[in-house]
Amino acid sequence: MERFVSDKVVWVMTSATDDGQLERAILRNDCQELALDITFQSWRYAGVLHWDGHEFAGTCLCRCGAEQATVPLRATLYTARNAPPLLFGSWIEDGEEYHWWAQLEKVERFEE
């Protein structure tokens, strides 16, 4: 038997969620890098996160027309034998921390 405790429980109010689309997620360099391409409305988020021993961390370049910003991004990849992989993470944009998640579907190639 294993027993667990945690000194912190975190939750997010779901009344203010937005949906984007994970266009591409690529694990490369022996699973040490995670390249992401995400769209949300007219915004595009693109970046490469690096494995730091606990999670993937890096930055994404966010673009919408001429407007752009760089935001720090973190993600953990969860896998289970009988379930699709799940990315769960956070980023900070305009002084606000956001949590994000995406259930992944393995594909042979990306649609262009």
PDB file of N, CA and C in Angstrom:
ATOM      1  N   MET A   1       0.842  -1.164   0.000  1.00  0.00           N
ATOM      2  CA  MET A   1       0.000   0.000   0.000  1.00  0.00           C
ATOM      3  C   MET A   1       0.893   1.234   0.000  1.00  0.00           C
ATOM      4  N   GLU A   2       0.484   2.242  -0.763  1.00  0.00           N
ATOM      5  CA  GLU A   2       1.181   3.519  -0.788  1.00  0.00           C
ATOM      6  C   GLU A   2       0.246   4.586  -0.266  1.00  0.00           C
ATOM      7  N   ARG A   3       0.793   5.511   0.519  1.00  0.00           N
ATOM      8  CA  ARG A   3      -0.005   6.610   1.068  1.00  0.00           C
ATOM      9  C   ARG A   3       0.630   7.923   0.651  1.00  0.00           C
ATOM     10  N   PHE A   4      -0.216   8.928   0.409  1.00  0.00           N
ATOM     11  CA  PHE A   4       0.276  10.216  -0.077  1.00  0.00           C
ATOM     12  C   PHE A   4      -0.400  11.362   0.654  1.00  0.00           C
ATOM     13  N   VAL A   5       0.286  12.464   0.780  1.00  0.00           N
ATOM     14  CA  VAL A   5      -0.288  13.717   1.263  1.00  0.00           C
ATOM     15  C   VAL A   5       0.276  14.833   0.400  1.00  0.00           C
ATOM     16  N   SER A   6      -0.348  15.994   0.448  1.00  0.00           N
ATOM     17  CA  SER A   6       0.141  17.163  -0.257  1.00  0.00           C
ATOM     18  C   SER A   6      -0.173  18.385   0.581  1.00  0.00           C
ATOM     19  N   ASP A   7       0.785  19.292   0.670  1.00  0.00           N
ATOM     20  CA  ASP A   7       0.539  20.501   1.441  1.00  0.00           C
ATOM     21  C   ASP A   7      -0.124  21.590   0.603  1.00  0.00           C
ATOM     22  N   LYS A   8      -0.398  21.271  -0.670  1.00  0.00           N
ATOM     23  CA  LYS A   8      -1.007  22.275  -1.537  1.00  0.00           C
ATOM     24  C   LYS A   8      -1.921  21.593  -2.552  1.00  0.00           C
ATOM     25  N   VAL A   9      -3.115  22.108  -2.670  1.00  0.00           N
ATOM     26  CA  VAL A   9      -4.057  21.674  -3.692  1.00  0.00           C
ATOM     27  C   VAL A   9      -4.431  22.916  -4.489  1.00  0.00           C
ATOM     28  N   VAL A  10      -4.353  22.823  -5.809  1.00  0.00           N
ATOM     29  CA  VAL A  10      -4.608  23.978  -6.666  1.00  0.00           C
ATOM     30  C   VAL A  10      -5.731  23.642  -7.626  1.00  0.00           C
ATOM     31  N   TRP A  11      -6.648  24.561  -7.820  1.00  0.00           N
ATOM     32  CA  TRP A  11      -7.694  24.377  -8.818  1.00  0.00           C
ATOM     33  C   TRP A  11      -7.928  25.683  -9.548  1.00  0.00           C
ATOM     34  N   VAL A  12      -8.566  25.576 -10.683  1.00  0.00           N
ATOM     35  CA  VAL A  12      -8.827  26.724 -11.538  1.00  0.00           C
ATOM     36  C   VAL A  12     -10.324  26.850 -11.709  1.00  0.00           C
ATOM     37  N   MET A  13     -10.840  28.065 -11.587  1.00  0.00           N
ATOM     38  CA  MET A  13     -12.261  28.275 -11.842  1.00  0.00           C
ATOM     39  C   MET A  13     -12.514  28.049 -13.328  1.00  0.00           C
ATOM     40  N   THR A  14     -13.449  27.195 -13.648  1.00  0.00           N
ATOM     41  CA  THR A  14     -13.691  26.847 -15.048  1.00  0.00           C
ATOM     42  C   THR A  14     -14.713  27.757 -15.716  1.00  0.00           C
ATOM     43  N   SER A  15     -15.196  28.755 -15.010  1.00  0.00           N
ATOM     44  CA  SER A  15     -16.203  29.633 -15.600  1.00  0.00           C
ATOM     45  C   SER A  15     -15.610  30.583 -16.636  1.00  0.00           C
ATOM     46  N   ALA A  16     -14.282  30.706 -16.665  1.00  0.00           N
ATOM     47  CA  ALA A  16     -13.654  31.646 -17.592  1.00  0.00           C
ATOM     48  C   ALA A  16     -12.625  30.934 -18.456  1.00  0.00           C
ATOM     49  N   THR A  17     -13.040  29.887 -19.150  1.00  0.00           N
ATOM     50  CA  THR A  17     -12.107  29.146 -19.987  1.00  0.00           C
ATOM     51  C   THR A  17     -12.239  29.574 -21.439  1.00  0.00           C
ATOM     52  N   ASP A  18     -11.180  29.395 -22.180  1.00  0.00           N
ATOM     53  CA  ASP A  18     -11.160  29.626 -23.614  1.00  0.00           C
ATOM     54  C   ASP A  18     -10.558  28.405 -24.273  1.00  0.00           C
ATOM     55  N   ASP A  19     -10.945  28.142 -25.512  1.00  0.00           N
ATOM     56  CA  ASP A  19     -10.422  26.997 -26.234  1.00  0.00           C
ATOM     57  C   ASP A  19      -9.588  27.453 -27.413  1.00  0.00           C
ATOM     58  N   GLY A  20      -8.424  26.882 -27.520  1.00  0.00           N
ATOM     59  CA  GLY A  20      -7.573  27.056 -28.683  1.00  0.00           C
ATOM     60  C   GLY A  20      -7.389  25.696 -29.332  1.00  0.00           C
ATOM     61  N   GLN A  21      -6.423  25.592 -30.215  1.00  0.00           N
ATOM     62  CA  GLN A  21      -6.163  24.319 -30.869  1.00  0.00           C
ATOM     63  C   GLN A  21      -4.668  24.060 -30.890  1.00  0.00           C
ATOM     64  N   LEU A  22      -4.279  22.882 -30.452  1.00  0.00           N
ATOM     65  CA  LEU A  22      -2.894  22.451 -30.548  1.00  0.00           C
ATOM     66  C   LEU A  22      -2.707  21.908 -31.951  1.00  0.00           C
ATOM     67  N   GLU A  23      -2.075  22.701 -32.801  1.00  0.00           N
ATOM     68  CA  GLU A  23      -1.872  22.316 -34.199  1.00  0.00           C
ATOM     69  C   GLU A  23      -0.818  21.222 -34.318  1.00  0.00           C
ATOM     70  N   ARG A  24       0.266  21.360 -33.525  1.00  0.00           N
ATOM     71  CA  ARG A  24       1.372  20.403 -33.583  1.00  0.00           C
ATOM     72  C   ARG A  24       2.053  20.315 -32.227  1.00  0.00           C
ATOM     73  N   ALA A  25       2.418  19.118 -31.851  1.00  0.00           N
ATOM     74  CA  ALA A  25       3.291  18.865 -30.710  1.00  0.00           C
ATOM     75  C   ALA A  25       4.252  17.780 -31.168  1.00  0.00           C
ATOM     76  N   ILE A  26       5.529  18.058 -31.086  1.00  0.00           N
ATOM     77  CA  ILE A  26       6.537  17.109 -31.555  1.00  0.00           C
ATOM     78  C   ILE A  26       7.552  16.882 -30.441  1.00  0.00           C
ATOM     79  N   LEU A  27       7.682  15.635 -30.014  1.00  0.00           N
ATOM     80  CA  LEU A  27       8.747  15.266 -29.088  1.00  0.00           C
ATOM     81  C   LEU A  27       9.953  14.891 -29.935  1.00  0.00           C
ATOM     82  N   ARG A  28      11.110  15.501 -29.665  1.00  0.00           N
ATOM     83  CA  ARG A  28      12.288  15.213 -30.466  1.00  0.00           C
ATOM     84  C   ARG A  28      13.539  15.189 -29.591  1.00  0.00           C
ATOM     85  N   ASN A  29      14.644  14.846 -30.220  1.00  0.00           N
ATOM     86  CA  ASN A  29      15.933  14.732 -29.518  1.00  0.00           C
ATOM     87  C   ASN A  29      15.825  13.819 -28.301  1.00  0.00           C
ATOM     88  N   ASP A  30      15.348  12.588 -28.571  1.00  0.00           N
ATOM     89  CA  ASP A  30      15.208  11.562 -27.526  1.00  0.00           C
ATOM     90  C   ASP A  30      14.342  12.055 -26.365  1.00  0.00           C
ATOM     91  N   CYS A  31      13.245  12.727 -26.696  1.00  0.00           N
ATOM     92  CA  CYS A  31      12.251  13.245 -25.741  1.00  0.00           C
ATOM     93  C   CYS A  31      12.802  14.335 -24.825  1.00  0.00           C
ATOM     94  N   GLN A  32      13.827  15.056 -25.277  1.00  0.00           N
ATOM     95  CA  GLN A  32      14.390  16.153 -24.491  1.00  0.00           C
ATOM     96  C   GLN A  32      13.810  17.507 -24.895  1.00  0.00           C
ATOM     97  N   GLU A  33      13.127  17.562 -26.041  1.00  0.00           N
ATOM     98  CA  GLU A  33      12.518  18.802 -26.525  1.00  0.00           C
ATOM     99  C   GLU A  33      11.069  18.546 -26.918  1.00  0.00           C
ATOM    100  N   LEU A  34      10.242  19.538 -26.668  1.00  0.00           N
ATOM    101  CA  LEU A  34       8.839  19.499 -27.062  1.00  0.00           C
ATOM    102  C   LEU A  34       8.554  20.769 -27.855  1.00  0.00           C
ATOM    103  N   ALA A  35       8.313  20.609 -29.152  1.00  0.00           N
ATOM    104  CA  ALA A  35       7.981  21.750 -30.012  1.00  0.00           C
ATOM    105  C   ALA A  35       6.466  21.868 -30.087  1.00  0.00           C
ATOM    106  N   LEU A  36       5.942  23.081 -29.902  1.00  0.00           N
ATOM    107  CA  LEU A  36       4.493  23.313 -29.876  1.00  0.00           C
ATOM    108  C   LEU A  36       4.100  24.397 -30.865  1.00  0.00           C
ATOM    109  N   ASP A  37       2.913  24.227 -31.434  1.00  0.00           N
ATOM    110  CA  ASP A  37       2.299  25.241 -32.297  1.00  0.00           C
ATOM    111  C   ASP A  37       0.827  25.273 -31.928  1.00  0.00           C
ATOM    112  N   ILE A  38       0.393  26.360 -31.294  1.00  0.00           N
ATOM    113  CA  ILE A  38      -0.969  26.481 -30.769  1.00  0.00           C
ATOM    114  C   ILE A  38      -1.624  27.710 -31.381  1.00  0.00           C
ATOM    115  N   THR A  39      -2.905  27.599 -31.716  1.00  0.00           N
ATOM    116  CA  THR A  39      -3.656  28.760 -32.182  1.00  0.00           C
ATOM    117  C   THR A  39      -4.804  29.038 -31.222  1.00  0.00           C
ATOM    118  N   PHE A  40      -5.063  30.318 -31.024  1.00  0.00           N
ATOM    119  CA  PHE A  40      -6.196  30.772 -30.227  1.00  0.00           C
ATOM    120  C   PHE A  40      -6.737  32.029 -30.894  1.00  0.00           C
ATOM    121  N   GLN A  41      -7.948  31.943 -31.406  1.00  0.00           N
ATOM    122  CA  GLN A  41      -8.544  33.027 -32.180  1.00  0.00           C
ATOM    123  C   GLN A  41      -7.551  33.434 -33.265  1.00  0.00           C
ATOM    124  N   SER A  42      -7.084  34.673 -33.296  1.00  0.00           N
ATOM    125  CA  SER A  42      -6.126  35.068 -34.332  1.00  0.00           C
ATOM    126  C   SER A  42      -4.678  35.047 -33.814  1.00  0.00           C
ATOM    127  N   TRP A  43      -4.462  34.520 -32.615  1.00  0.00           N
ATOM    128  CA  TRP A  43      -3.128  34.419 -32.037  1.00  0.00           C
ATOM    129  C   TRP A  43      -2.487  33.086 -32.379  1.00  0.00           C
ATOM    130  N   ARG A  44      -1.174  33.102 -32.621  1.00  0.00           N
ATOM    131  CA  ARG A  44      -0.376  31.894 -32.813  1.00  0.00           C
ATOM    132  C   ARG A  44       0.702  31.857 -31.745  1.00  0.00           C
ATOM    133  N   TYR A  45       0.819  30.725 -31.084  1.00  0.00           N
ATOM    134  CA  TYR A  45       1.838  30.506 -30.067  1.00  0.00           C
ATOM    135  C   TYR A  45       2.768  29.413 -30.597  1.00  0.00           C
ATOM    136  N   ALA A  46       4.061  29.698 -30.701  1.00  0.00           N
ATOM    137  CA  ALA A  46       5.019  28.720 -31.207  1.00  0.00           C
ATOM    138  C   ALA A  46       6.268  28.755 -30.334  1.00  0.00           C
ATOM    139  N   GLY A  47       6.743  27.577 -29.956  1.00  0.00           N
ATOM    140  CA  GLY A  47       7.946  27.551 -29.137  1.00  0.00           C
ATOM    141  C   GLY A  47       8.493  26.148 -28.972  1.00  0.00           C
ATOM    142  N   VAL A  48       9.671  26.084 -28.388  1.00  0.00           N
ATOM    143  CA  VAL A  48      10.323  24.816 -28.079  1.00  0.00           C
ATOM    144  C   VAL A  48      10.619  24.801 -26.590  1.00  0.00           C
ATOM    145  N   LEU A  49      10.147  23.763 -25.927  1.00  0.00           N
ATOM    146  CA  LEU A  49      10.376  23.586 -24.495  1.00  0.00           C
ATOM    147  C   LEU A  49      11.420  22.493 -24.309  1.00  0.00           C
ATOM    148  N   HIS A  50      12.246  22.630 -23.282  1.00  0.00           N
ATOM    149  CA  HIS A  50      13.308  21.671 -23.024  1.00  0.00           C
ATOM    150  C   HIS A  50      13.053  20.960 -21.701  1.00  0.00           C
ATOM    151  N   TRP A  51      13.368  19.669 -21.662  1.00  0.00           N
ATOM    152  CA  TRP A  51      13.195  18.852 -20.465  1.00  0.00           C
ATOM    153  C   TRP A  51      14.221  19.292 -19.431  1.00  0.00           C
ATOM    154  N   ASP A  52      13.764  19.633 -18.223  1.00  0.00           N
ATOM    155  CA  ASP A  52      14.690  20.069 -17.169  1.00  0.00           C
ATOM    156  C   ASP A  52      14.855  19.018 -16.075  1.00  0.00           C
ATOM    157  N   GLY A  53      14.395  17.797 -16.340  1.00  0.00           N
ATOM    158  CA  GLY A  53      14.472  16.726 -15.354  1.00  0.00           C
ATOM    159  C   GLY A  53      13.160  16.485 -14.636  1.00  0.00           C
ATOM    160  N   HIS A  54      12.255  17.470 -14.687  1.00  0.00           N
ATOM    161  CA  HIS A  54      10.948  17.353 -14.028  1.00  0.00           C
ATOM    162  C   HIS A  54       9.799  17.677 -14.965  1.00  0.00           C
ATOM    163  N   GLU A  55      10.023  18.644 -15.847  1.00  0.00           N
ATOM    164  CA  GLU A  55       8.985  19.079 -16.767  1.00  0.00           C
ATOM    165  C   GLU A  55       9.645  19.751 -17.969  1.00  0.00           C
ATOM    166  N   PHE A  56       8.845  20.048 -18.963  1.00  0.00           N
ATOM    167  CA  PHE A  56       9.330  20.813 -20.108  1.00  0.00           C
ATOM    168  C   PHE A  56       9.156  22.292 -19.779  1.00  0.00           C
ATOM    169  N   ALA A  57      10.172  23.101 -20.099  1.00  0.00           N
ATOM    170  CA  ALA A  57      10.099  24.533 -19.809  1.00  0.00           C
ATOM    171  C   ALA A  57      10.780  25.311 -20.927  1.00  0.00           C
ATOM    172  N   GLY A  58      10.253  26.490 -21.209  1.00  0.00           N
ATOM    173  CA  GLY A  58      10.833  27.342 -22.241  1.00  0.00           C
ATOM    174  C   GLY A  58       9.957  28.548 -22.465  1.00  0.00           C
ATOM    175  N   THR A  59      10.000  29.073 -23.684  1.00  0.00           N
ATOM    176  CA  THR A  59       9.182  30.229 -24.030  1.00  0.00           C
ATOM    177  C   THR A  59       8.462  29.980 -25.345  1.00  0.00           C
ATOM    178  N   CYS A  60       7.369  30.696 -25.520  1.00  0.00           N
ATOM    179  CA  CYS A  60       6.622  30.687 -26.770  1.00  0.00           C
ATOM    180  C   CYS A  60       6.581  32.112 -27.305  1.00  0.00           C
ATOM    181  N   LEU A  61       6.694  32.228 -28.593  1.00  0.00           N
ATOM    182  CA  LEU A  61       6.503  33.507 -29.258  1.00  0.00           C
ATOM    183  C   LEU A  61       5.030  33.581 -29.649  1.00  0.00           C
ATOM    184  N   CYS A  62       4.337  34.612 -29.179  1.00  0.00           N
ATOM    185  CA  CYS A  62       2.911  34.798 -29.460  1.00  0.00           C
ATOM    186  C   CYS A  62       2.781  35.905 -30.496  1.00  0.00           C
ATOM    187  N   ARG A  63       2.033  35.630 -31.558  1.00  0.00           N
ATOM    188  CA  ARG A  63       1.864  36.628 -32.618  1.00  0.00           C
ATOM    189  C   ARG A  63       0.398  36.766 -32.998  1.00  0.00           C
ATOM    190  N   CYS A  64       0.046  38.020 -33.263  1.00  0.00           N
ATOM    191  CA  CYS A  64      -1.266  38.340 -33.807  1.00  0.00           C
ATOM    192  C   CYS A  64      -1.065  39.578 -34.664  1.00  0.00           C
ATOM    193  N   GLY A  65      -1.003  39.398 -35.976  1.00  0.00           N
ATOM    194  CA  GLY A  65      -0.692  40.517 -36.863  1.00  0.00           C
ATOM    195  C   GLY A  65       0.689  41.051 -36.550  1.00  0.00           C
ATOM    196  N   ALA A  66       0.799  42.354 -36.332  1.00  0.00           N
ATOM    197  CA  ALA A  66       2.085  42.972 -36.012  1.00  0.00           C
ATOM    198  C   ALA A  66       2.410  42.875 -34.520  1.00  0.00           C
ATOM    199  N   GLU A  67       1.429  42.504 -33.716  1.00  0.00           N
ATOM    200  CA  GLU A  67       1.619  42.412 -32.274  1.00  0.00           C
ATOM    201  C   GLU A  67       2.291  41.089 -31.919  1.00  0.00           C
ATOM    202  N   GLN A  68       3.288  41.139 -31.026  1.00  0.00           N
ATOM    203  CA  GLN A  68       3.923  39.900 -30.594  1.00  0.00           C
ATOM    204  C   GLN A  68       4.467  40.039 -29.181  1.00  0.00           C
ATOM    205  N   ALA A  69       4.615  38.895 -28.512  1.00  0.00           N
ATOM    206  CA  ALA A  69       5.140  38.851 -27.149  1.00  0.00           C
ATOM    207  C   ALA A  69       5.788  37.491 -26.945  1.00  0.00           C
ATOM    208  N   THR A  70       6.697  37.426 -25.987  1.00  0.00           N
ATOM    209  CA  THR A  70       7.304  36.158 -25.600  1.00  0.00           C
ATOM    210  C   THR A  70       6.813  35.824 -24.204  1.00  0.00           C
ATOM    211  N   VAL A  71       6.316  34.610 -24.020  1.00  0.00           N
ATOM    212  CA  VAL A  71       5.782  34.206 -22.720  1.00  0.00           C
ATOM    213  C   VAL A  71       6.468  32.934 -22.239  1.00  0.00           C
ATOM    214  N   PRO A  72       6.741  32.840 -20.918  1.00  0.00           N
ATOM    215  CA  PRO A  72       7.284  31.601 -20.371  1.00  0.00           C
ATOM    216  C   PRO A  72       6.194  30.530 -20.348  1.00  0.00           C
ATOM    217  N   LEU A  73       6.580  29.317 -20.658  1.00  0.00           N
ATOM    218  CA  LEU A  73       5.625  28.219 -20.767  1.00  0.00           C
ATOM    219  C   LEU A  73       6.214  26.974 -20.122  1.00  0.00           C
ATOM    220  N   ARG A  74       5.385  26.216 -19.413  1.00  0.00           N
ATOM    221  CA  ARG A  74       5.779  24.951 -18.786  1.00  0.00           C
ATOM    222  C   ARG A  74       4.747  23.891 -19.136  1.00  0.00           C
ATOM    223  N   ALA A  75       5.206  22.643 -19.199  1.00  0.00           N
ATOM    224  CA  ALA A  75       4.281  21.549 -19.490  1.00  0.00           C
ATOM    225  C   ALA A  75       4.818  20.245 -18.927  1.00  0.00           C
ATOM    226  N   THR A  76       3.915  19.408 -18.463  1.00  0.00           N
ATOM    227  CA  THR A  76       4.231  18.055 -18.037  1.00  0.00           C
ATOM    228  C   THR A  76       3.454  17.109 -18.941  1.00  0.00           C
ATOM    229  N   LEU A  77       4.114  16.059 -19.395  1.00  0.00           N
ATOM    230  CA  LEU A  77       3.478  15.060 -20.246  1.00  0.00           C
ATOM    231  C   LEU A  77       3.124  13.857 -19.388  1.00  0.00           C
ATOM    232  N   TYR A  78       1.829  13.556 -19.324  1.00  0.00           N
ATOM    233  CA  TYR A  78       1.344  12.410 -18.557  1.00  0.00           C
ATOM    234  C   TYR A  78       0.949  11.307 -19.524  1.00  0.00           C
ATOM    235  N   THR A  79       1.379  10.079 -19.217  1.00  0.00           N
ATOM    236  CA  THR A  79       1.014   8.932 -20.047  1.00  0.00           C
ATOM    237  C   THR A  79       0.474   7.819 -19.159  1.00  0.00           C
ATOM    238  N   ALA A  80      -0.437   7.061 -19.708  1.00  0.00           N
ATOM    239  CA  ALA A  80      -0.995   5.889 -19.037  1.00  0.00           C
ATOM    240  C   ALA A  80      -1.203   4.817 -20.092  1.00  0.00           C
ATOM    241  N   ARG A  81      -1.181   3.598 -19.678  1.00  0.00           N
ATOM    242  CA  ARG A  81      -1.240   2.476 -20.617  1.00  0.00           C
ATOM    243  C   ARG A  81      -2.467   2.505 -21.523  1.00  0.00           C
ATOM    244  N   ASN A  82      -3.631   2.784 -20.993  1.00  0.00           N
ATOM    245  CA  ASN A  82      -4.869   2.695 -21.774  1.00  0.00           C
ATOM    246  C   ASN A  82      -5.537   4.040 -22.015  1.00  0.00           C
ATOM    247  N   ALA A  83      -4.758   5.108 -22.045  1.00  0.00           N
ATOM    248  CA  ALA A  83      -5.329   6.445 -22.253  1.00  0.00           C
ATOM    249  C   ALA A  83      -4.400   7.255 -23.148  1.00  0.00           C
ATOM    250  N   PRO A  84      -4.963   8.199 -23.888  1.00  0.00           N
ATOM    251  CA  PRO A  84      -4.110   9.075 -24.709  1.00  0.00           C
ATOM    252  C   PRO A  84      -3.219   9.943 -23.815  1.00  0.00           C
ATOM    253  N   PRO A  85      -2.031  10.343 -24.299  1.00  0.00           N
ATOM    254  CA  PRO A  85      -1.165  11.230 -23.515  1.00  0.00           C
ATOM    255  C   PRO A  85      -1.850  12.572 -23.249  1.00  0.00           C
ATOM    256  N   LEU A  86      -1.487  13.180 -22.127  1.00  0.00           N
ATOM    257  CA  LEU A  86      -2.057  14.462 -21.724  1.00  0.00           C
ATOM    258  C   LEU A  86      -0.919  15.428 -21.407  1.00  0.00           C
ATOM    259  N   LEU A  87      -0.953  16.609 -22.016  1.00  0.00           N
ATOM    260  CA  LEU A  87      -0.043  17.698 -21.656  1.00  0.00           C
ATOM    261  C   LEU A  87      -0.783  18.614 -20.699  1.00  0.00           C
ATOM    262  N   PHE A  88      -0.142  18.965 -19.598  1.00  0.00           N
ATOM    263  CA  PHE A  88      -0.733  19.885 -18.638  1.00  0.00           C
ATOM    264  C   PHE A  88       0.343  20.882 -18.241  1.00  0.00           C
ATOM    265  N   GLY A  89       0.015  22.161 -18.277  1.00  0.00           N
ATOM    266  CA  GLY A  89       1.041  23.138 -17.958  1.00  0.00           C
ATOM    267  C   GLY A  89       0.494  24.496 -17.594  1.00  0.00           C
ATOM    268  N   SER A  90       1.406  25.477 -17.615  1.00  0.00           N
ATOM    269  CA  SER A  90       1.045  26.850 -17.279  1.00  0.00           C
ATOM    270  C   SER A  90       1.886  27.813 -18.101  1.00  0.00           C
ATOM    271  N   TRP A  91       1.391  29.037 -18.226  1.00  0.00           N
ATOM    272  CA  TRP A  91       2.178  30.118 -18.817  1.00  0.00           C
ATOM    273  C   TRP A  91       1.747  31.419 -18.173  1.00  0.00           C
ATOM    274  N   ILE A  92       2.610  32.423 -18.303  1.00  0.00           N
ATOM    275  CA  ILE A  92       2.316  33.741 -17.743  1.00  0.00           C
ATOM    276  C   ILE A  92       2.292  34.733 -18.891  1.00  0.00           C
ATOM    277  N   GLU A  93       1.166  35.430 -19.010  1.00  0.00           N
ATOM    278  CA  GLU A  93       0.995  36.414 -20.079  1.00  0.00           C
ATOM    279  C   GLU A  93       0.294  37.635 -19.494  1.00  0.00           C
ATOM    280  N   ASP A  94       0.823  38.812 -19.757  1.00  0.00           N
ATOM    281  CA  ASP A  94       0.267  40.071 -19.243  1.00  0.00           C
ATOM    282  C   ASP A  94       0.085  40.036 -17.728  1.00  0.00           C
ATOM    283  N   GLY A  95       1.035  39.419 -17.024  1.00  0.00           N
ATOM    284  CA  GLY A  95       0.994  39.362 -15.570  1.00  0.00           C
ATOM    285  C   GLY A  95       0.026  38.357 -14.990  1.00  0.00           C
ATOM    286  N   GLU A  96      -0.661  37.593 -15.823  1.00  0.00           N
ATOM    287  CA  GLU A  96      -1.627  36.593 -15.364  1.00  0.00           C
ATOM    288  C   GLU A  96      -1.075  35.197 -15.612  1.00  0.00           C
ATOM    289  N   GLU A  97      -1.287  34.288 -14.660  1.00  0.00           N
ATOM    290  CA  GLU A  97      -0.894  32.899 -14.852  1.00  0.00           C
ATOM    291  C   GLU A  97      -2.082  32.113 -15.391  1.00  0.00           C
ATOM    292  N   TYR A  98      -1.851  31.372 -16.443  1.00  0.00           N
ATOM    293  CA  TYR A  98      -2.882  30.542 -17.071  1.00  0.00           C
ATOM    294  C   TYR A  98      -2.472  29.082 -16.985  1.00  0.00           C
ATOM    295  N   HIS A  99      -3.437  28.212 -16.801  1.00  0.00           N
ATOM    296  CA  HIS A  99      -3.203  26.776 -16.853  1.00  0.00           C
ATOM    297  C   HIS A  99      -3.813  26.245 -18.133  1.00  0.00           C
ATOM    298  N   TRP A 100      -3.145  25.285 -18.738  1.00  0.00           N
ATOM    299  CA  TRP A 100      -3.626  24.738 -20.002  1.00  0.00           C
ATOM    300  C   TRP A 100      -3.422  23.231 -20.021  1.00  0.00           C
ATOM    301  N   TRP A 101      -4.225  22.565 -20.819  1.00  0.00           N
ATOM    302  CA  TRP A 101      -4.062  21.132 -21.002  1.00  0.00           C
ATOM    303  C   TRP A 101      -4.562  20.756 -22.383  1.00  0.00           C
ATOM    304  N   ALA A 102      -4.001  19.669 -22.893  1.00  0.00           N
ATOM    305  CA  ALA A 102      -4.400  19.161 -24.206  1.00  0.00           C
ATOM    306  C   ALA A 102      -4.240  17.650 -24.204  1.00  0.00           C
ATOM    307  N   GLN A 103      -5.295  16.950 -24.602  1.00  0.00           N
ATOM    308  CA  GLN A 103      -5.219  15.506 -24.778  1.00  0.00           C
ATOM    309  C   GLN A 103      -4.665  15.261 -26.178  1.00  0.00           C
ATOM    310  N   LEU A 104      -3.603  14.486 -26.275  1.00  0.00           N
ATOM    311  CA  LEU A 104      -2.898  14.312 -27.539  1.00  0.00           C
ATOM    312  C   LEU A 104      -3.389  13.097 -28.313  1.00  0.00           C
ATOM    313  N   GLU A 105      -3.346  13.219 -29.604  1.00  0.00           N
ATOM    314  CA  GLU A 105      -3.687  12.111 -30.499  1.00  0.00           C
ATOM    315  C   GLU A 105      -2.496  11.893 -31.418  1.00  0.00           C
ATOM    316  N   LYS A 106      -1.975  10.674 -31.436  1.00  0.00           N
ATOM    317  CA  LYS A 106      -0.819  10.368 -32.269  1.00  0.00           C
ATOM    318  C   LYS A 106      -1.232  10.358 -33.740  1.00  0.00           C
ATOM    319  N   VAL A 107      -0.425  10.992 -34.595  1.00  0.00           N
ATOM    320  CA  VAL A 107      -0.701  11.037 -36.036  1.00  0.00           C
ATOM    321  C   VAL A 107       0.556  10.620 -36.787  1.00  0.00           C
ATOM    322  N   GLU A 108       0.364  10.090 -37.998  1.00  0.00           N
ATOM    323  CA  GLU A 108       1.496   9.705 -38.839  1.00  0.00           C
ATOM    324  C   GLU A 108       2.176  10.929 -39.437  1.00  0.00           C
ATOM    325  N   ARG A 109       1.363  11.932 -39.794  1.00  0.00           N
ATOM    326  CA  ARG A 109       1.898  13.186 -40.343  1.00  0.00           C
ATOM    327  C   ARG A 109       0.887  14.280 -40.057  1.00  0.00           C
ATOM    328  N   PHE A 110       1.341  15.537 -40.157  1.00  0.00           N
ATOM    329  CA  PHE A 110       0.470  16.671 -39.895  1.00  0.00           C
ATOM    330  C   PHE A 110      -0.228  17.084 -41.189  1.00  0.00           C
ATOM    331  N   GLU A 111      -1.483  17.496 -41.060  1.00  0.00           N
ATOM    332  CA  GLU A 111      -2.197  18.051 -42.214  1.00  0.00           C
ATOM    333  C   GLU A 111      -1.646  19.446 -42.455  1.00  0.00           C
ATOM    334  N   GLU A 112      -1.422  19.785 -43.695  1.00  0.00           N
ATOM    335  CA  GLU A 112      -0.850  21.112 -44.015  1.00  0.00           C
ATOM    336  C   GLU A 112      -1.936  22.075 -44.395  1.00  0.00           C
TER     337      GLU A 112
END
